[in-house]
């Protein structure tokens, strides 16, 4: 009885681990940098999200970001930063090439 229980438990653990590993293969990673358009200086603290998904990132002190998605392209990145115009960036392929996003000053302020 004990041997059957342990065998069943081991089978369940191995099965669930395999399902989890398979799910991680379908993750798309988008990386890049956000710069100020004029001076081309990196912008820290910029919010980047995938429109219609629960995936987001904040740029680091060098303006770099990495965001993961289980959603396949095409989709839209929404980029927001106080004092700059919001942008929507279409992502149409899975090439994995880093993005360079330029934000423009919002002169209305």
PDB file of N, CA and C in Angstrom:
ATOM      1  N   UNK A   1       0.825  -1.192   0.000  1.00  0.00           N
ATOM      2  CA  UNK A   1       0.000   0.000   0.000  1.00  0.00           C
ATOM      3  C   UNK A   1       0.866   1.251   0.000  1.00  0.00           C
ATOM      4  N   UNK A   2       1.895   1.263   0.850  1.00  0.00           N
ATOM      5  CA  UNK A   2       2.785   2.413   0.949  1.00  0.00           C
ATOM      6  C   UNK A   2       3.556   2.601  -0.353  1.00  0.00           C
ATOM      7  N   UNK A   3       3.980   1.501  -0.965  1.00  0.00           N
ATOM      8  CA  UNK A   3       4.736   1.576  -2.213  1.00  0.00           C
ATOM      9  C   UNK A   3       3.862   2.144  -3.335  1.00  0.00           C
ATOM     10  N   UNK A   4       2.615   1.764  -3.400  1.00  0.00           N
ATOM     11  CA  UNK A   4       1.687   2.269  -4.411  1.00  0.00           C
ATOM     12  C   UNK A   4       1.464   3.763  -4.233  1.00  0.00           C
ATOM     13  N   UNK A   5       1.314   4.202  -2.993  1.00  0.00           N
ATOM     14  CA  UNK A   5       1.117   5.615  -2.714  1.00  0.00           C
ATOM     15  C   UNK A   5       2.341   6.420  -3.148  1.00  0.00           C
ATOM     16  N   UNK A   6       3.523   5.966  -2.812  1.00  0.00           N
ATOM     17  CA  UNK A   6       4.752   6.675  -3.186  1.00  0.00           C
ATOM     18  C   UNK A   6       4.937   6.708  -4.704  1.00  0.00           C
ATOM     19  N   UNK A   7       4.623   5.609  -5.377  1.00  0.00           N
ATOM     20  CA  UNK A   7       4.729   5.559  -6.835  1.00  0.00           C
ATOM     21  C   UNK A   7       3.755   6.549  -7.463  1.00  0.00           C
ATOM     22  N   UNK A   8       2.541   6.595  -6.964  1.00  0.00           N
ATOM     23  CA  UNK A   8       1.532   7.524  -7.480  1.00  0.00           C
ATOM     24  C   UNK A   8       1.960   8.974  -7.237  1.00  0.00           C
ATOM     25  N   UNK A   9       2.457   9.256  -6.047  1.00  0.00           N
ATOM     26  CA  UNK A   9       2.915  10.594  -5.713  1.00  0.00           C
ATOM     27  C   UNK A   9       4.072  11.015  -6.615  1.00  0.00           C
ATOM     28  N   UNK A  10       5.023  10.142  -6.852  1.00  0.00           N
ATOM     29  CA  UNK A  10       6.149  10.432  -7.725  1.00  0.00           C
ATOM     30  C   UNK A  10       5.672  10.698  -9.148  1.00  0.00           C
ATOM     31  N   UNK A  11       4.734   9.899  -9.635  1.00  0.00           N
ATOM     32  CA  UNK A  11       4.182  10.101 -10.977  1.00  0.00           C
ATOM     33  C   UNK A  11       3.527  11.479 -11.091  1.00  0.00           C
ATOM     34  N   UNK A  12       2.763  11.885 -10.092  1.00  0.00           N
ATOM     35  CA  UNK A  12       2.087  13.187 -10.118  1.00  0.00           C
ATOM     36  C   UNK A  12       3.110  14.328 -10.131  1.00  0.00           C
ATOM     37  N   UNK A  13       4.136  14.235  -9.310  1.00  0.00           N
ATOM     38  CA  UNK A  13       5.175  15.277  -9.264  1.00  0.00           C
ATOM     39  C   UNK A  13       5.884  15.384 -10.606  1.00  0.00           C
ATOM     40  N   UNK A  14       6.267  14.276 -11.187  1.00  0.00           N
ATOM     41  CA  UNK A  14       6.954  14.288 -12.484  1.00  0.00           C
ATOM     42  C   UNK A  14       6.024  14.841 -13.562  1.00  0.00           C
ATOM     43  N   UNK A  15       4.773  14.456 -13.559  1.00  0.00           N
ATOM     44  CA  UNK A  15       3.814  14.937 -14.555  1.00  0.00           C
ATOM     45  C   UNK A  15       3.627  16.446 -14.445  1.00  0.00           C
ATOM     46  N   UNK A  16       3.413  16.964 -13.236  1.00  0.00           N
ATOM     47  CA  UNK A  16       3.198  18.400 -13.053  1.00  0.00           C
ATOM     48  C   UNK A  16       4.441  19.207 -13.400  1.00  0.00           C
ATOM     49  N   UNK A  17       5.612  18.704 -13.108  1.00  0.00           N
ATOM     50  CA  UNK A  17       6.855  19.379 -13.472  1.00  0.00           C
ATOM     51  C   UNK A  17       6.980  19.462 -14.982  1.00  0.00           C
ATOM     52  N   UNK A  18       6.646  18.410 -15.674  1.00  0.00           N
ATOM     53  CA  UNK A  18       6.697  18.413 -17.140  1.00  0.00           C
ATOM     54  C   UNK A  18       5.731  19.409 -17.736  1.00  0.00           C
ATOM     55  N   UNK A  19       4.541  19.529 -17.164  1.00  0.00           N
ATOM     56  CA  UNK A  19       3.556  20.492 -17.647  1.00  0.00           C
ATOM     57  C   UNK A  19       4.067  21.912 -17.424  1.00  0.00           C
ATOM     58  N   UNK A  20       4.667  22.175 -16.275  1.00  0.00           N
ATOM     59  CA  UNK A  20       5.195  23.504 -15.971  1.00  0.00           C
ATOM     60  C   UNK A  20       6.346  23.860 -16.909  1.00  0.00           C
ATOM     61  N   UNK A  21       7.239  22.950 -17.180  1.00  0.00           N
ATOM     62  CA  UNK A  21       8.356  23.215 -18.076  1.00  0.00           C
ATOM     63  C   UNK A  21       7.865  23.474 -19.492  1.00  0.00           C
ATOM     64  N   UNK A  22       6.851  22.741 -19.932  1.00  0.00           N
ATOM     65  CA  UNK A  22       6.302  22.961 -21.266  1.00  0.00           C
ATOM     66  C   UNK A  22       5.666  24.341 -21.374  1.00  0.00           C
ATOM     67  N   UNK A  23       4.992  24.791 -20.331  1.00  0.00           N
ATOM     68  CA  UNK A  23       4.338  26.095 -20.355  1.00  0.00           C
ATOM     69  C   UNK A  23       5.364  27.211 -20.454  1.00  0.00           C
ATOM     70  N   UNK A  24       6.545  27.054 -19.875  1.00  0.00           N
ATOM     71  CA  UNK A  24       7.565  28.086 -19.910  1.00  0.00           C
ATOM     72  C   UNK A  24       8.191  28.234 -21.288  1.00  0.00           C
ATOM     73  N   UNK A  25       8.100  27.231 -22.144  1.00  0.00           N
ATOM     74  CA  UNK A  25       8.675  27.312 -23.475  1.00  0.00           C
ATOM     75  C   UNK A  25       7.947  28.319 -24.345  1.00  0.00           C
ATOM     76  N   UNK A  26       6.683  28.600 -24.071  1.00  0.00           N
ATOM     77  CA  UNK A  26       5.868  29.464 -24.898  1.00  0.00           C
ATOM     78  C   UNK A  26       5.970  30.939 -24.510  1.00  0.00           C
ATOM     79  N   UNK A  27       6.904  31.300 -23.646  1.00  0.00           N
ATOM     80  CA  UNK A  27       7.039  32.671 -23.181  1.00  0.00           C
ATOM     81  C   UNK A  27       7.900  33.456 -24.159  1.00  0.00           C
ATOM     82  N   UNK A  28       7.421  34.640 -24.526  1.00  0.00           N
ATOM     83  CA  UNK A  28       8.148  35.546 -25.408  1.00  0.00           C
ATOM     84  C   UNK A  28       8.756  36.648 -24.553  1.00  0.00           C
ATOM     85  N   UNK A  29      10.049  36.912 -24.712  1.00  0.00           N
ATOM     86  CA  UNK A  29      10.723  37.972 -23.959  1.00  0.00           C
ATOM     87  C   UNK A  29      11.031  39.124 -24.910  1.00  0.00           C
ATOM     88  N   UNK A  30      10.585  40.326 -24.523  1.00  0.00           N
ATOM     89  CA  UNK A  30      10.846  41.532 -25.288  1.00  0.00           C
ATOM     90  C   UNK A  30      11.773  42.397 -24.453  1.00  0.00           C
ATOM     91  N   UNK A  31      12.877  42.821 -25.032  1.00  0.00           N
ATOM     92  CA  UNK A  31      13.840  43.661 -24.331  1.00  0.00           C
ATOM     93  C   UNK A  31      14.076  44.934 -25.133  1.00  0.00           C
ATOM     94  N   UNK A  32      14.654  45.912 -24.467  1.00  0.00           N
ATOM     95  CA  UNK A  32      14.978  47.136 -25.173  1.00  0.00           C
ATOM     96  C   UNK A  32      15.407  48.236 -24.235  1.00  0.00           C
ATOM     97  N   UNK A  33      15.457  49.435 -24.793  1.00  0.00           N
ATOM     98  CA  UNK A  33      15.860  50.616 -24.036  1.00  0.00           C
ATOM     99  C   UNK A  33      14.938  51.770 -24.423  1.00  0.00           C
ATOM    100  N   UNK A  34      14.642  52.634 -23.444  1.00  0.00           N
ATOM    101  CA  UNK A  34      13.821  53.816 -23.694  1.00  0.00           C
ATOM    102  C   UNK A  34      14.711  55.037 -23.501  1.00  0.00           C
ATOM    103  N   UNK A  35      14.728  55.903 -24.530  1.00  0.00           N
ATOM    104  CA  UNK A  35      15.578  57.095 -24.531  1.00  0.00           C
ATOM    105  C   UNK A  35      14.745  58.346 -24.739  1.00  0.00           C
ATOM    106  N   UNK A  36      15.256  59.469 -24.217  1.00  0.00           N
ATOM    107  CA  UNK A  36      14.662  60.771 -24.503  1.00  0.00           C
ATOM    108  C   UNK A  36      15.029  61.132 -25.929  1.00  0.00           C
ATOM    109  N   UNK A  37      14.076  61.580 -26.713  1.00  0.00           N
ATOM    110  CA  UNK A  37      14.288  61.817 -28.140  1.00  0.00           C
ATOM    111  C   UNK A  37      15.386  62.841 -28.399  1.00  0.00           C
ATOM    112  N   UNK A  38      15.385  63.977 -27.712  1.00  0.00           N
ATOM    113  CA  UNK A  38      16.340  65.043 -28.000  1.00  0.00           C
ATOM    114  C   UNK A  38      17.773  64.674 -27.656  1.00  0.00           C
ATOM    115  N   UNK A  39      18.040  64.430 -26.385  1.00  0.00           N
ATOM    116  CA  UNK A  39      19.403  64.180 -25.910  1.00  0.00           C
ATOM    117  C   UNK A  39      19.804  62.711 -26.032  1.00  0.00           C
ATOM    118  N   UNK A  40      18.847  61.857 -26.344  1.00  0.00           N
ATOM    119  CA  UNK A  40      19.073  60.410 -26.426  1.00  0.00           C
ATOM    120  C   UNK A  40      19.643  59.855 -25.115  1.00  0.00           C
ATOM    121  N   UNK A  41      19.171  60.433 -24.023  1.00  0.00           N
ATOM    122  CA  UNK A  41      19.546  59.969 -22.687  1.00  0.00           C
ATOM    123  C   UNK A  41      18.577  58.892 -22.236  1.00  0.00           C
ATOM    124  N   UNK A  42      19.060  57.882 -21.490  1.00  0.00           N
ATOM    125  CA  UNK A  42      18.155  56.834 -20.995  1.00  0.00           C
ATOM    126  C   UNK A  42      17.163  57.397 -19.988  1.00  0.00           C
ATOM    127  N   UNK A  43      15.963  56.859 -19.995  1.00  0.00           N
ATOM    128  CA  UNK A  43      14.913  57.297 -19.078  1.00  0.00           C
ATOM    129  C   UNK A  43      14.589  56.185 -18.082  1.00  0.00           C
ATOM    130  N   UNK A  44      14.907  56.381 -16.804  1.00  0.00           N
ATOM    131  CA  UNK A  44      14.559  55.382 -15.780  1.00  0.00           C
ATOM    132  C   UNK A  44      13.122  55.559 -15.304  1.00  0.00           C
ATOM    133  N   UNK A  45      12.473  54.474 -14.952  1.00  0.00           N
ATOM    134  CA  UNK A  45      11.129  54.526 -14.379  1.00  0.00           C
ATOM    135  C   UNK A  45       9.997  54.618 -15.385  1.00  0.00           C
ATOM    136  N   UNK A  46      10.276  54.334 -16.648  1.00  0.00           N
ATOM    137  CA  UNK A  46       9.238  54.353 -17.681  1.00  0.00           C
ATOM    138  C   UNK A  46       8.401  53.075 -17.554  1.00  0.00           C
ATOM    139  N   UNK A  47       7.090  53.228 -17.654  1.00  0.00           N
ATOM    140  CA  UNK A  47       6.166  52.097 -17.575  1.00  0.00           C
ATOM    141  C   UNK A  47       5.902  51.547 -18.975  1.00  0.00           C
ATOM    142  N   UNK A  48       6.071  50.236 -19.131  1.00  0.00           N
ATOM    143  CA  UNK A  48       5.825  49.562 -20.404  1.00  0.00           C
ATOM    144  C   UNK A  48       4.888  48.394 -20.124  1.00  0.00           C
ATOM    145  N   UNK A  49       3.804  48.317 -20.885  1.00  0.00           N
ATOM    146  CA  UNK A  49       2.862  47.211 -20.695  1.00  0.00           C
ATOM    147  C   UNK A  49       2.405  46.683 -22.047  1.00  0.00           C
ATOM    148  N   UNK A  50       1.885  45.469 -22.023  1.00  0.00           N
ATOM    149  CA  UNK A  50       1.313  44.876 -23.224  1.00  0.00           C
ATOM    150  C   UNK A  50      -0.188  45.128 -23.169  1.00  0.00           C
ATOM    151  N   UNK A  51      -0.687  45.814 -24.172  1.00  0.00           N
ATOM    152  CA  UNK A  51      -2.096  46.192 -24.226  1.00  0.00           C
ATOM    153  C   UNK A  51      -2.974  44.942 -24.209  1.00  0.00           C
ATOM    154  N   UNK A  52      -3.921  44.916 -23.268  1.00  0.00           N
ATOM    155  CA  UNK A  52      -4.854  43.802 -23.172  1.00  0.00           C
ATOM    156  C   UNK A  52      -4.305  42.581 -22.459  1.00  0.00           C
ATOM    157  N   UNK A  53      -3.134  42.698 -21.840  1.00  0.00           N
ATOM    158  CA  UNK A  53      -2.537  41.566 -21.121  1.00  0.00           C
ATOM    159  C   UNK A  53      -2.067  42.049 -19.755  1.00  0.00           C
ATOM    160  N   UNK A  54      -1.830  41.117 -18.879  1.00  0.00           N
ATOM    161  CA  UNK A  54      -1.338  41.442 -17.549  1.00  0.00           C
ATOM    162  C   UNK A  54       0.184  41.275 -17.523  1.00  0.00           C
ATOM    163  N   UNK A  55       0.864  42.060 -18.345  1.00  0.00           N
ATOM    164  CA  UNK A  55       2.326  41.997 -18.420  1.00  0.00           C
ATOM    165  C   UNK A  55       2.855  43.419 -18.492  1.00  0.00           C
ATOM    166  N   UNK A  56       3.821  43.719 -17.629  1.00  0.00           N
ATOM    167  CA  UNK A  56       4.372  45.062 -17.618  1.00  0.00           C
ATOM    168  C   UNK A  56       5.811  45.030 -17.121  1.00  0.00           C
ATOM    169  N   UNK A  57       6.506  46.161 -17.343  1.00  0.00           N
ATOM    170  CA  UNK A  57       7.875  46.323 -16.865  1.00  0.00           C
ATOM    171  C   UNK A  57       8.121  47.799 -16.611  1.00  0.00           C
ATOM    172  N   UNK A  58       9.143  48.081 -15.820  1.00  0.00           N
ATOM    173  CA  UNK A  58       9.601  49.440 -15.546  1.00  0.00           C
ATOM    174  C   UNK A  58      11.070  49.494 -15.938  1.00  0.00           C
ATOM    175  N   UNK A  59      11.470  50.554 -16.647  1.00  0.00           N
ATOM    176  CA  UNK A  59      12.868  50.658 -17.060  1.00  0.00           C
ATOM    177  C   UNK A  59      13.772  50.867 -15.848  1.00  0.00           C
ATOM    178  N   UNK A  60      15.000  50.344 -15.946  1.00  0.00           N
ATOM    179  CA  UNK A  60      15.985  50.508 -14.876  1.00  0.00           C
ATOM    180  C   UNK A  60      16.692  51.860 -15.027  1.00  0.00           C
ATOM    181  N   UNK A  61      17.744  52.099 -14.259  1.00  0.00           N
ATOM    182  CA  UNK A  61      18.445  53.381 -14.288  1.00  0.00           C
ATOM    183  C   UNK A  61      19.124  53.662 -15.627  1.00  0.00           C
ATOM    184  N   UNK A  62      19.331  52.633 -16.431  1.00  0.00           N
ATOM    185  CA  UNK A  62      19.926  52.795 -17.756  1.00  0.00           C
ATOM    186  C   UNK A  62      18.873  52.806 -18.870  1.00  0.00           C
ATOM    187  N   UNK A  63      17.593  52.876 -18.493  1.00  0.00           N
ATOM    188  CA  UNK A  63      16.513  52.911 -19.469  1.00  0.00           C
ATOM    189  C   UNK A  63      16.181  51.562 -20.070  1.00  0.00           C
ATOM    190  N   UNK A  64      16.781  50.494 -19.572  1.00  0.00           N
ATOM    191  CA  UNK A  64      16.566  49.157 -20.135  1.00  0.00           C
ATOM    192  C   UNK A  64      15.367  48.472 -19.487  1.00  0.00           C
ATOM    193  N   UNK A  65      14.722  47.618 -20.282  1.00  0.00           N
ATOM    194  CA  UNK A  65      13.569  46.868 -19.775  1.00  0.00           C
ATOM    195  C   UNK A  65      13.550  45.475 -20.377  1.00  0.00           C
ATOM    196  N   UNK A  66      12.822  44.611 -19.708  1.00  0.00           N
ATOM    197  CA  UNK A  66      12.578  43.255 -20.186  1.00  0.00           C
ATOM    198  C   UNK A  66      11.164  42.895 -19.752  1.00  0.00           C
ATOM    199  N   UNK A  67      10.360  42.478 -20.701  1.00  0.00           N
ATOM    200  CA  UNK A  67       8.973  42.131 -20.411  1.00  0.00           C
ATOM    201  C   UNK A  67       8.679  40.780 -21.057  1.00  0.00           C
ATOM    202  N   UNK A  68       7.957  39.932 -20.347  1.00  0.00           N
ATOM    203  CA  UNK A  68       7.627  38.622 -20.889  1.00  0.00           C
ATOM    204  C   UNK A  68       6.129  38.533 -21.144  1.00  0.00           C
ATOM    205  N   UNK A  69       5.795  37.729 -22.141  1.00  0.00           N
ATOM    206  CA  UNK A  69       4.397  37.572 -22.505  1.00  0.00           C
ATOM    207  C   UNK A  69       4.130  36.145 -22.953  1.00  0.00           C
ATOM    208  N   UNK A  70       2.964  35.663 -22.602  1.00  0.00           N
ATOM    209  CA  UNK A  70       2.510  34.377 -23.117  1.00  0.00           C
ATOM    210  C   UNK A  70       1.666  34.605 -24.368  1.00  0.00           C
ATOM    211  N   UNK A  71       1.440  35.868 -24.682  1.00  0.00           N
ATOM    212  CA  UNK A  71       0.651  36.253 -25.847  1.00  0.00           C
ATOM    213  C   UNK A  71       1.574  36.348 -27.058  1.00  0.00           C
ATOM    214  N   UNK A  72       1.187  35.749 -28.154  1.00  0.00           N
ATOM    215  CA  UNK A  72       1.983  35.802 -29.377  1.00  0.00           C
ATOM    216  C   UNK A  72       1.679  37.070 -30.162  1.00  0.00           C
ATOM    217  N   UNK A  73       2.686  37.600 -30.888  1.00  0.00           N
ATOM    218  CA  UNK A  73       2.439  38.770 -31.738  1.00  0.00           C
ATOM    219  C   UNK A  73       1.408  38.437 -32.798  1.00  0.00           C
ATOM    220  N   UNK A  74       0.731  39.406 -33.312  1.00  0.00           N
ATOM    221  CA  UNK A  74       0.922  40.831 -33.074  1.00  0.00           C
ATOM    222  C   UNK A  74       0.221  41.299 -31.796  1.00  0.00           C
ATOM    223  N   UNK A  75       0.866  42.244 -31.118  1.00  0.00           N
ATOM    224  CA  UNK A  75       0.272  42.945 -29.985  1.00  0.00           C
ATOM    225  C   UNK A  75       0.919  44.317 -29.890  1.00  0.00           C
ATOM    226  N   UNK A  76       0.455  45.121 -28.944  1.00  0.00           N
ATOM    227  CA  UNK A  76       0.910  46.496 -28.824  1.00  0.00           C
ATOM    228  C   UNK A  76       1.517  46.749 -27.455  1.00  0.00           C
ATOM    229  N   UNK A  77       2.709  47.375 -27.443  1.00  0.00           N
ATOM    230  CA  UNK A  77       3.316  47.841 -26.210  1.00  0.00           C
ATOM    231  C   UNK A  77       2.833  49.264 -25.953  1.00  0.00           C
ATOM    232  N   UNK A  78       2.432  49.539 -24.718  1.00  0.00           N
ATOM    233  CA  UNK A  78       2.021  50.882 -24.319  1.00  0.00           C
ATOM    234  C   UNK A  78       3.114  51.436 -23.409  1.00  0.00           C
ATOM    235  N   UNK A  79       3.671  52.608 -23.784  1.00  0.00           N
ATOM    236  CA  UNK A  79       4.801  53.202 -23.075  1.00  0.00           C
ATOM    237  C   UNK A  79       4.351  54.537 -22.486  1.00  0.00           C
ATOM    238  N   UNK A  80       4.499  54.687 -21.153  1.00  0.00           N
ATOM    239  CA  UNK A  80       4.074  55.905 -20.444  1.00  0.00           C
ATOM    240  C   UNK A  80       5.172  56.416 -19.527  1.00  0.00           C
ATOM    241  N   UNK A  81       5.319  57.746 -19.517  1.00  0.00           N
ATOM    242  CA  UNK A  81       6.272  58.391 -18.615  1.00  0.00           C
ATOM    243  C   UNK A  81       5.807  59.822 -18.399  1.00  0.00           C
ATOM    244  N   UNK A  82       5.787  60.281 -17.172  1.00  0.00           N
ATOM    245  CA  UNK A  82       5.308  61.623 -16.858  1.00  0.00           C
ATOM    246  C   UNK A  82       6.180  62.664 -17.557  1.00  0.00           C
ATOM    247  N   UNK A  83       5.522  63.610 -18.219  1.00  0.00           N
ATOM    248  CA  UNK A  83       6.221  64.673 -18.924  1.00  0.00           C
ATOM    249  C   UNK A  83       6.561  64.341 -20.368  1.00  0.00           C
ATOM    250  N   UNK A  84       6.186  63.130 -20.806  1.00  0.00           N
ATOM    251  CA  UNK A  84       6.454  62.693 -22.172  1.00  0.00           C
ATOM    252  C   UNK A  84       5.164  62.172 -22.792  1.00  0.00           C
ATOM    253  N   UNK A  85       5.076  62.249 -24.103  1.00  0.00           N
ATOM    254  CA  UNK A  85       3.904  61.737 -24.804  1.00  0.00           C
ATOM    255  C   UNK A  85       3.866  60.213 -24.726  1.00  0.00           C
ATOM    256  N   UNK A  86       2.703  59.668 -24.414  1.00  0.00           N
ATOM    257  CA  UNK A  86       2.531  58.213 -24.388  1.00  0.00           C
ATOM    258  C   UNK A  86       2.653  57.675 -25.811  1.00  0.00           C
ATOM    259  N   UNK A  87       3.157  56.464 -25.918  1.00  0.00           N
ATOM    260  CA  UNK A  87       3.298  55.832 -27.232  1.00  0.00           C
ATOM    261  C   UNK A  87       2.720  54.434 -27.211  1.00  0.00           C
ATOM    262  N   UNK A  88       2.243  54.013 -28.374  1.00  0.00           N
ATOM    263  CA  UNK A  88       1.831  52.623 -28.584  1.00  0.00           C
ATOM    264  C   UNK A  88       2.711  52.066 -29.688  1.00  0.00           C
ATOM    265  N   UNK A  89       3.452  51.003 -29.371  1.00  0.00           N
ATOM    266  CA  UNK A  89       4.418  50.409 -30.291  1.00  0.00           C
ATOM    267  C   UNK A  89       3.899  49.042 -30.735  1.00  0.00           C
ATOM    268  N   UNK A  90       3.637  48.844 -32.029  1.00  0.00           N
ATOM    269  CA  UNK A  90       3.203  47.521 -32.489  1.00  0.00           C
ATOM    270  C   UNK A  90       4.371  46.529 -32.506  1.00  0.00           C
ATOM    271  N   UNK A  91       4.122  45.334 -32.017  1.00  0.00           N
ATOM    272  CA  UNK A  91       5.102  44.239 -32.078  1.00  0.00           C
ATOM    273  C   UNK A  91       4.495  43.183 -33.001  1.00  0.00           C
ATOM    274  N   UNK A  92       5.170  42.927 -34.118  1.00  0.00           N
ATOM    275  CA  UNK A  92       4.599  42.034 -35.126  1.00  0.00           C
ATOM    276  C   UNK A  92       5.370  40.737 -35.317  1.00  0.00           C
ATOM    277  N   UNK A  93       6.587  40.647 -34.768  1.00  0.00           N
ATOM    278  CA  UNK A  93       7.349  39.411 -34.955  1.00  0.00           C
ATOM    279  C   UNK A  93       8.001  38.970 -33.653  1.00  0.00           C
ATOM    280  N   UNK A  94       8.592  37.794 -33.693  1.00  0.00           N
ATOM    281  CA  UNK A  94       9.239  37.211 -32.521  1.00  0.00           C
ATOM    282  C   UNK A  94      10.745  37.149 -32.707  1.00  0.00           C
ATOM    283  N   UNK A  95      11.324  38.111 -33.406  1.00  0.00           N
ATOM    284  CA  UNK A  95      12.756  38.056 -33.724  1.00  0.00           C
ATOM    285  C   UNK A  95      13.640  38.122 -32.483  1.00  0.00           C
ATOM    286  N   UNK A  96      13.157  38.764 -31.435  1.00  0.00           N
ATOM    287  CA  UNK A  96      13.956  38.869 -30.221  1.00  0.00           C
ATOM    288  C   UNK A  96      14.952  40.009 -30.254  1.00  0.00           C
ATOM    289  N   UNK A  97      14.979  40.792 -31.325  1.00  0.00           N
ATOM    290  CA  UNK A  97      15.881  41.937 -31.411  1.00  0.00           C
ATOM    291  C   UNK A  97      15.457  42.988 -30.395  1.00  0.00           C
ATOM    292  N   UNK A  98      16.409  43.569 -29.664  1.00  0.00           N
ATOM    293  CA  UNK A  98      16.060  44.615 -28.688  1.00  0.00           C
ATOM    294  C   UNK A  98      15.431  45.827 -29.374  1.00  0.00           C
ATOM    295  N   UNK A  99      14.471  46.422 -28.695  1.00  0.00           N
ATOM    296  CA  UNK A  99      13.794  47.609 -29.211  1.00  0.00           C
ATOM    297  C   UNK A  99      14.484  48.865 -28.693  1.00  0.00           C
ATOM    298  N   UNK A 100      14.467  49.922 -29.492  1.00  0.00           N
ATOM    299  CA  UNK A 100      14.903  51.235 -29.049  1.00  0.00           C
ATOM    300  C   UNK A 100      13.696  52.147 -29.188  1.00  0.00           C
ATOM    301  N   UNK A 101      13.209  52.634 -28.059  1.00  0.00           N
ATOM    302  CA  UNK A 101      12.005  53.457 -28.035  1.00  0.00           C
ATOM    303  C   UNK A 101      12.409  54.878 -27.673  1.00  0.00           C
ATOM    304  N   UNK A 102      12.019  55.840 -28.500  1.00  0.00           N
ATOM    305  CA  UNK A 102      12.301  57.245 -28.264  1.00  0.00           C
ATOM    306  C   UNK A 102      11.021  57.931 -27.785  1.00  0.00           C
ATOM    307  N   UNK A 103      11.108  58.615 -26.631  1.00  0.00           N
ATOM    308  CA  UNK A 103       9.961  59.349 -26.118  1.00  0.00           C
ATOM    309  C   UNK A 103      10.163  60.841 -26.365  1.00  0.00           C
ATOM    310  N   UNK A 104       9.070  61.508 -26.705  1.00  0.00           N
ATOM    311  CA  UNK A 104       9.086  62.939 -27.029  1.00  0.00           C
ATOM    312  C   UNK A 104       8.529  63.734 -25.852  1.00  0.00           C
ATOM    313  N   UNK A 105       9.147  64.891 -25.559  1.00  0.00           N
ATOM    314  CA  UNK A 105       8.643  65.780 -24.504  1.00  0.00           C
ATOM    315  C   UNK A 105       7.204  66.157 -24.793  1.00  0.00           C
ATOM    316  N   UNK A 106       6.413  66.218 -23.734  1.00  0.00           N
ATOM    317  CA  UNK A 106       5.037  66.680 -23.858  1.00  0.00           C
ATOM    318  C   UNK A 106       5.046  68.181 -23.594  1.00  0.00           C
ATOM    319  N   UNK A 107       5.064  68.969 -24.648  1.00  0.00           N
ATOM    320  CA  UNK A 107       5.171  70.425 -24.528  1.00  0.00           C
ATOM    321  C   UNK A 107       3.911  71.076 -24.004  1.00  0.00           C
ATOM    322  N   UNK A 108       2.843  70.307 -23.794  1.00  0.00           N
ATOM    323  CA  UNK A 108       1.588  70.875 -23.298  1.00  0.00           C
ATOM    324  C   UNK A 108       1.660  71.222 -21.832  1.00  0.00           C
ATOM    325  N   UNK A 109       2.667  70.705 -21.112  1.00  0.00           N
ATOM    326  CA  UNK A 109       2.733  70.956 -19.669  1.00  0.00           C
ATOM    327  C   UNK A 109       3.316  72.286 -19.340  1.00  0.00           C
TER     328      UNK A 109
END
